Protein backbone atom coordinates (compact mmCIF):
# COMPACT_ATOMS: atom_id res chain seq x y z
CA MET A 1 86.32 102.90 96.05
CA ALA A 2 84.63 100.38 98.33
CA ASP A 3 83.03 103.20 100.35
CA GLY A 4 81.49 104.80 97.26
CA GLN A 5 84.01 107.59 96.68
CA ALA A 6 84.56 108.15 92.98
CA PHE A 7 87.69 109.25 91.17
CA GLU A 8 88.43 109.87 87.53
CA ASP A 9 92.17 109.38 87.24
CA LEU A 10 95.31 108.48 89.15
CA GLU A 11 95.52 111.95 90.72
CA GLY A 12 91.99 111.59 92.06
CA PHE A 13 92.85 108.20 93.49
CA LYS A 14 95.96 109.61 95.18
CA GLN A 15 93.94 112.43 96.72
CA ILE A 16 91.49 109.96 98.23
CA ILE A 17 94.09 107.62 99.74
CA LEU A 18 96.30 110.42 101.04
CA ARG A 19 93.47 111.69 103.24
CA ASP A 20 94.36 108.98 105.76
CA PRO A 21 98.15 108.62 106.01
CA ASP A 22 97.79 106.60 109.21
CA LYS A 23 95.99 103.86 107.31
CA ILE A 24 98.70 103.77 104.63
CA ALA A 25 101.45 103.62 107.27
CA ARG A 26 99.66 100.85 109.16
CA ASN A 27 99.22 98.78 106.02
CA PHE A 28 102.87 99.26 105.02
CA LEU A 29 104.04 98.33 108.52
CA GLU A 30 101.92 95.19 108.60
CA LYS A 31 103.31 94.09 105.23
CA VAL A 32 106.91 94.76 106.32
CA LEU A 33 106.45 92.82 109.56
CA THR A 34 104.76 89.93 107.74
CA TYR A 35 107.61 89.77 105.25
CA ALA A 36 110.32 90.16 107.89
CA THR A 37 108.96 87.58 110.31
CA GLY A 38 107.30 85.17 107.90
CA ALA A 39 104.25 85.20 110.16
CA SER A 40 100.89 86.86 109.74
CA ILE A 41 99.91 89.79 111.92
CA GLU A 42 97.54 88.54 114.61
CA TYR A 43 94.71 90.35 116.35
CA SER A 44 96.85 90.44 119.50
CA ASP A 45 99.51 92.43 117.58
CA ARG A 46 97.18 95.33 116.81
CA ARG A 47 97.85 97.26 120.01
CA GLU A 48 101.59 97.25 119.35
CA ILE A 49 100.99 98.15 115.69
CA ASP A 50 98.97 101.17 116.88
CA GLU A 51 101.87 102.28 119.08
CA ILE A 52 104.45 101.74 116.35
CA VAL A 53 102.49 103.79 113.80
CA LYS A 54 102.15 106.75 116.21
CA LYS A 55 105.91 107.28 116.52
CA PRO A 56 106.76 108.06 112.86
CA ALA A 57 103.71 110.32 112.50
CA ALA A 58 105.82 113.30 113.56
CA GLU A 59 108.16 112.53 110.66
CA ASP A 60 105.33 112.34 108.09
CA TYR A 61 105.38 108.54 108.21
CA GLY A 62 108.76 108.21 106.50
CA ILE A 63 109.49 104.73 105.25
CA ARG A 64 112.85 104.67 107.01
CA SER A 65 111.16 105.59 110.31
CA LEU A 66 108.52 102.90 109.88
CA ILE A 67 111.12 100.23 109.11
CA HIS A 68 113.22 101.37 112.09
CA GLN A 69 110.22 101.08 114.41
CA ALA A 70 109.31 97.69 112.94
CA ALA A 71 112.81 96.35 113.63
CA ARG A 72 112.65 97.61 117.22
CA SER A 73 109.24 96.07 117.88
CA SER A 74 108.67 92.98 119.96
CA ILE A 75 106.64 91.61 117.05
CA PHE A 76 109.80 91.54 114.93
CA GLN A 77 112.09 90.41 117.70
CA SER A 78 109.91 87.59 119.03
CA LYS A 79 108.32 85.93 115.98
């Protein structure tokens, strides 16, 4: 990994990336919003992205919850 963490196989890789589910959810959300709006995520969008990612955390960052929150966001509705 870029930070020096080593892994030997796919299971090791999964264990490393699953330590930070917030980061995975944020990345997924940014990709969904980029695809849905056709516009890149800007620095000014980060605060709203932070708020959006917090809501599905209680539901273990379910994909359906993330997509629901993305569709409700002002980022999606205004770009």
